């Protein structure tokens, strides 16, 4: 990246200190999980992991879910955020839990 870019341009391009890192997540609920339990588990995920860490989750599904995790404000997710999401879903009645590496949300 050019070192002579103005702060305004760096912000507009979402580079350097304005870069945003996030990650993808995927999981599948086991067949024994009811509709009501799915709602409860997703609500618990949002409350205990996403909101608690000031993250945002955009995604959806039914038995198989996928989505993207990013910060609520301009910023970068961390490996701790990835590990918290992974640990949460590994402790639930879910399989095929996958969390990608961090990537640039605007340029990757």
C-alpha atoms as a PDB file:
ATOM      1  CA  UNK A   1       0.000   0.000   0.000  1.00  0.00           C
ATOM      2  CA  UNK A   2       1.172   3.488  -0.698  1.00  0.00           C
ATOM      3  CA  UNK A   3       2.468   5.167   2.430  1.00  0.00           C
ATOM      4  CA  UNK A   4       1.398   8.639   1.322  1.00  0.00           C
ATOM      5  CA  UNK A   5      -2.345   8.005   1.370  1.00  0.00           C
ATOM      6  CA  UNK A   6      -4.325  10.458   3.432  1.00  0.00           C
ATOM      7  CA  UNK A   7      -6.282   9.288   6.465  1.00  0.00           C
ATOM      8  CA  UNK A   8      -9.504  10.014   4.596  1.00  0.00           C
ATOM      9  CA  UNK A   9      -8.457   7.831   1.649  1.00  0.00           C
ATOM     10  CA  UNK A  10      -7.267   4.989   3.917  1.00  0.00           C
ATOM     11  CA  UNK A  11     -10.652   5.071   5.640  1.00  0.00           C
ATOM     12  CA  UNK A  12     -12.515   5.106   2.346  1.00  0.00           C
ATOM     13  CA  UNK A  13     -10.458   2.165   1.044  1.00  0.00           C
ATOM     14  CA  UNK A  14     -10.725   0.327   4.398  1.00  0.00           C
ATOM     15  CA  UNK A  15      -6.979  -0.284   4.618  1.00  0.00           C
ATOM     16  CA  UNK A  16      -4.270   0.030   7.267  1.00  0.00           C
ATOM     17  CA  UNK A  17      -5.842   1.136  10.564  1.00  0.00           C
ATOM     18  CA  UNK A  18      -9.321   0.943   8.969  1.00  0.00           C
ATOM     19  CA  UNK A  19      -8.995  -2.663   7.808  1.00  0.00           C
ATOM     20  CA  UNK A  20     -11.792  -4.929   9.043  1.00  0.00           C
ATOM     21  CA  UNK A  21     -11.131  -8.601   9.772  1.00  0.00           C
ATOM     22  CA  UNK A  22     -13.818 -11.223  10.232  1.00  0.00           C
ATOM     23  CA  UNK A  23     -14.425 -14.925   9.716  1.00  0.00           C
ATOM     24  CA  UNK A  24     -17.014 -17.400   8.520  1.00  0.00           C
ATOM     25  CA  UNK A  25     -18.685 -19.995  10.724  1.00  0.00           C
ATOM     26  CA  UNK A  26     -20.686 -23.109   9.850  1.00  0.00           C
ATOM     27  CA  UNK A  27     -22.400 -25.732  11.993  1.00  0.00           C
ATOM     28  CA  UNK A  28     -25.108 -28.363  11.667  1.00  0.00           C
ATOM     29  CA  UNK A  29     -27.541 -29.196  14.445  1.00  0.00           C
ATOM     30  CA  UNK A  30     -27.903 -32.877  15.252  1.00  0.00           C
ATOM     31  CA  UNK A  31     -31.168 -34.527  14.187  1.00  0.00           C
ATOM     32  CA  UNK A  32     -32.259 -34.854  17.820  1.00  0.00           C
ATOM     33  CA  UNK A  33     -32.407 -31.057  18.255  1.00  0.00           C
ATOM     34  CA  UNK A  34     -35.961 -29.692  18.107  1.00  0.00           C
ATOM     35  CA  UNK A  35     -37.096 -26.410  16.529  1.00  0.00           C
ATOM     36  CA  UNK A  36     -37.518 -24.885  19.978  1.00  0.00           C
ATOM     37  CA  UNK A  37     -34.012 -25.959  20.997  1.00  0.00           C
ATOM     38  CA  UNK A  38     -32.560 -24.450  17.809  1.00  0.00           C
ATOM     39  CA  UNK A  39     -34.102 -21.094  18.688  1.00  0.00           C
ATOM     40  CA  UNK A  40     -32.798 -21.315  22.251  1.00  0.00           C
ATOM     41  CA  UNK A  41     -29.281 -22.300  21.190  1.00  0.00           C
ATOM     42  CA  UNK A  42     -29.002 -19.548  18.590  1.00  0.00           C
ATOM     43  CA  UNK A  43     -30.292 -16.992  21.127  1.00  0.00           C
ATOM     44  CA  UNK A  44     -27.740 -18.284  23.646  1.00  0.00           C
ATOM     45  CA  UNK A  45     -24.978 -17.972  21.012  1.00  0.00           C
ATOM     46  CA  UNK A  46     -25.957 -14.390  20.269  1.00  0.00           C
ATOM     47  CA  UNK A  47     -26.176 -13.439  23.975  1.00  0.00           C
ATOM     48  CA  UNK A  48     -23.141 -15.278  25.340  1.00  0.00           C
ATOM     49  CA  UNK A  49     -20.673 -14.972  22.473  1.00  0.00           C
ATOM     50  CA  UNK A  50     -21.696 -12.403  19.870  1.00  0.00           C
ATOM     51  CA  UNK A  51     -23.115  -9.615  22.058  1.00  0.00           C
ATOM     52  CA  UNK A  52     -20.733 -10.301  24.935  1.00  0.00           C
ATOM     53  CA  UNK A  53     -17.748  -9.765  22.616  1.00  0.00           C
ATOM     54  CA  UNK A  54     -19.350  -6.821  20.778  1.00  0.00           C
ATOM     55  CA  UNK A  55     -19.434  -8.806  17.543  1.00  0.00           C
ATOM     56  CA  UNK A  56     -22.025  -9.045  14.831  1.00  0.00           C
ATOM     57  CA  UNK A  57     -23.351 -12.203  13.182  1.00  0.00           C
ATOM     58  CA  UNK A  58     -24.984 -12.256   9.782  1.00  0.00           C
ATOM     59  CA  UNK A  59     -26.229 -15.620   8.671  1.00  0.00           C
ATOM     60  CA  UNK A  60     -28.938 -18.162   9.029  1.00  0.00           C
ATOM     61  CA  UNK A  61     -30.144 -21.635   8.408  1.00  0.00           C
ATOM     62  CA  UNK A  62     -32.392 -24.318   9.736  1.00  0.00           C
ATOM     63  CA  UNK A  63     -30.558 -27.509  10.705  1.00  0.00           C
ATOM     64  CA  UNK A  64     -27.441 -26.362   8.855  1.00  0.00           C
ATOM     65  CA  UNK A  65     -26.276 -22.805   9.616  1.00  0.00           C
ATOM     66  CA  UNK A  66     -23.628 -20.580   8.140  1.00  0.00           C
ATOM     67  CA  UNK A  67     -22.725 -16.958   8.556  1.00  0.00           C
ATOM     68  CA  UNK A  68     -20.092 -14.311   8.915  1.00  0.00           C
ATOM     69  CA  UNK A  69     -18.802 -12.823  12.148  1.00  0.00           C
ATOM     70  CA  UNK A  70     -17.434  -9.282  12.315  1.00  0.00           C
ATOM     71  CA  UNK A  71     -17.125  -6.532  14.891  1.00  0.00           C
ATOM     72  CA  UNK A  72     -20.117  -4.288  15.595  1.00  0.00           C
ATOM     73  CA  UNK A  73     -17.994  -1.207  15.011  1.00  0.00           C
ATOM     74  CA  UNK A  74     -15.027  -0.624  12.738  1.00  0.00           C
ATOM     75  CA  UNK A  75     -12.389  -3.084  13.872  1.00  0.00           C
ATOM     76  CA  UNK A  76     -10.829  -6.481  13.672  1.00  0.00           C
ATOM     77  CA  UNK A  77     -11.965  -9.793  15.071  1.00  0.00           C
ATOM     78  CA  UNK A  78      -9.269 -11.704  16.904  1.00  0.00           C
ATOM     79  CA  UNK A  79      -8.200 -15.318  17.189  1.00  0.00           C
ATOM     80  CA  UNK A  80      -9.791 -15.238  20.656  1.00  0.00           C
ATOM     81  CA  UNK A  81     -13.121 -14.394  18.992  1.00  0.00           C
ATOM     82  CA  UNK A  82     -12.696 -17.301  16.566  1.00  0.00           C
ATOM     83  CA  UNK A  83     -11.837 -19.657  19.424  1.00  0.00           C
ATOM     84  CA  UNK A  84     -14.842 -18.506  21.483  1.00  0.00           C
ATOM     85  CA  UNK A  85     -17.233 -19.185  18.588  1.00  0.00           C
ATOM     86  CA  UNK A  86     -15.627 -22.573  17.906  1.00  0.00           C
ATOM     87  CA  UNK A  87     -15.692 -23.586  21.586  1.00  0.00           C
ATOM     88  CA  UNK A  88     -19.333 -22.562  21.957  1.00  0.00           C
ATOM     89  CA  UNK A  89     -20.555 -24.697  19.062  1.00  0.00           C
ATOM     90  CA  UNK A  90     -18.326 -27.645  19.929  1.00  0.00           C
ATOM     91  CA  UNK A  91     -20.000 -27.731  23.358  1.00  0.00           C
ATOM     92  CA  UNK A  92     -23.497 -27.841  21.800  1.00  0.00           C
ATOM     93  CA  UNK A  93     -25.396 -30.667  20.063  1.00  0.00           C
ATOM     94  CA  UNK A  94     -23.898 -29.650  16.729  1.00  0.00           C
ATOM     95  CA  UNK A  95     -21.576 -31.270  14.223  1.00  0.00           C
ATOM     96  CA  UNK A  96     -19.503 -30.132  11.247  1.00  0.00           C
ATOM     97  CA  UNK A  97     -18.439 -27.045  13.209  1.00  0.00           C
ATOM     98  CA  UNK A  98     -16.081 -24.975  11.066  1.00  0.00           C
ATOM     99  CA  UNK A  99     -14.538 -21.575  11.696  1.00  0.00           C
ATOM    100  CA  UNK A 100     -12.371 -20.045   8.974  1.00  0.00           C
ATOM    101  CA  UNK A 101      -9.185 -18.072   9.433  1.00  0.00           C
ATOM    102  CA  UNK A 102      -9.496 -14.302   9.762  1.00  0.00           C
ATOM    103  CA  UNK A 103      -9.752 -12.463   6.467  1.00  0.00           C
ATOM    104  CA  UNK A 104     -10.169  -8.916   5.208  1.00  0.00           C
ATOM    105  CA  UNK A 105     -13.916  -8.395   4.895  1.00  0.00           C
ATOM    106  CA  UNK A 106     -13.559  -5.801   2.148  1.00  0.00           C
ATOM    107  CA  UNK A 107     -10.756  -7.181  -0.002  1.00  0.00           C
ATOM    108  CA  UNK A 108     -10.716 -11.003   0.357  1.00  0.00           C
END
